[in-house]
């Protein structure tokens, strides 16, 4: 009986969080299951996209935080 792999398993594979045995079993499943392969490709694409996202606050948010911090009159660090 072949193990049923979940999206969590695919993510663990992408982030190299699987044992070598699990990796081998997943690779075999990917080669024999087209739907699983498509799901893997989609997740891999999503992970690659998320790694390129620039997560920085806007200038307005930074100004609002600074303004609020100044209004509290706490000592500056």
Protein backbone atom coordinates (compact mmCIF):
# COMPACT_ATOMS: atom_id res chain seq x y z
CA UNK A 1 0.00 0.00 0.00
CA UNK A 2 1.38 3.37 -1.02
CA UNK A 3 1.46 6.23 1.51
CA UNK A 4 -0.96 9.08 0.83
CA UNK A 5 0.97 12.35 0.87
CA UNK A 6 -0.62 15.58 2.06
CA UNK A 7 0.11 19.23 1.20
CA UNK A 8 1.97 19.37 4.54
CA UNK A 9 4.23 16.57 3.33
CA UNK A 10 4.93 18.49 0.13
CA UNK A 11 5.83 21.61 2.11
CA UNK A 12 8.12 19.56 4.35
CA UNK A 13 9.78 18.24 1.20
CA UNK A 14 10.21 21.73 -0.27
CA UNK A 15 11.83 22.96 2.95
CA UNK A 16 13.95 19.78 3.22
CA UNK A 17 12.38 18.70 6.51
CA UNK A 18 11.96 15.04 5.58
CA UNK A 19 14.11 12.04 6.25
CA UNK A 20 15.88 10.49 3.28
CA UNK A 21 13.45 7.57 3.32
CA UNK A 22 10.43 9.92 3.23
CA UNK A 23 12.04 11.92 0.43
CA UNK A 24 12.55 8.80 -1.64
CA UNK A 25 8.96 7.67 -1.11
CA UNK A 26 7.64 11.11 -2.02
CA UNK A 27 9.77 11.29 -5.16
CA UNK A 28 8.40 7.92 -6.25
CA UNK A 29 4.86 9.14 -5.58
CA UNK A 30 5.48 12.35 -7.53
CA UNK A 31 6.65 10.35 -10.56
CA UNK A 32 3.62 8.07 -10.49
CA UNK A 33 0.87 10.53 -9.47
CA UNK A 34 0.25 13.44 -11.85
CA UNK A 35 -2.20 15.21 -9.51
CA UNK A 36 0.34 15.11 -6.68
CA UNK A 37 3.02 16.43 -9.05
CA UNK A 38 0.76 19.33 -10.08
CA UNK A 39 0.08 20.17 -6.44
CA UNK A 40 3.84 20.07 -5.74
CA UNK A 41 4.59 22.39 -8.66
CA UNK A 42 1.91 24.83 -7.50
CA UNK A 43 3.21 24.83 -3.90
CA UNK A 44 6.79 25.24 -5.10
CA UNK A 45 5.76 28.21 -7.23
CA UNK A 46 3.92 29.76 -4.29
CA UNK A 47 6.91 29.31 -1.96
CA UNK A 48 9.25 30.88 -4.53
CA UNK A 49 6.87 33.82 -4.93
CA UNK A 50 6.58 34.35 -1.17
CA UNK A 51 10.36 34.36 -0.80
CA UNK A 52 10.48 37.32 -3.20
CA UNK A 53 7.86 39.39 -1.37
CA UNK A 54 9.35 42.46 0.26
CA UNK A 55 7.84 42.72 3.72
CA UNK A 56 8.43 46.27 4.86
CA UNK A 57 5.95 48.71 6.37
CA UNK A 58 4.93 51.70 4.34
CA UNK A 59 6.37 55.11 5.18
CA UNK A 60 2.96 56.17 6.54
CA UNK A 61 2.96 53.30 9.01
CA UNK A 62 6.49 54.13 10.18
CA UNK A 63 5.52 57.80 10.64
CA UNK A 64 2.39 56.85 12.60
CA UNK A 65 4.40 54.58 14.92
CA UNK A 66 7.00 57.29 15.49
CA UNK A 67 4.31 59.87 16.17
CA UNK A 68 2.61 57.58 18.68
CA UNK A 69 5.93 56.81 20.35
CA UNK A 70 6.69 60.51 20.69
CA UNK A 71 3.28 61.18 22.23
CA UNK A 72 3.95 58.67 25.02
CA UNK A 73 7.00 60.69 26.12
CA UNK A 74 8.97 57.58 26.95
CA UNK A 75 12.76 57.84 26.90
CA UNK A 76 14.27 57.21 23.50
CA UNK A 77 16.46 54.19 23.03
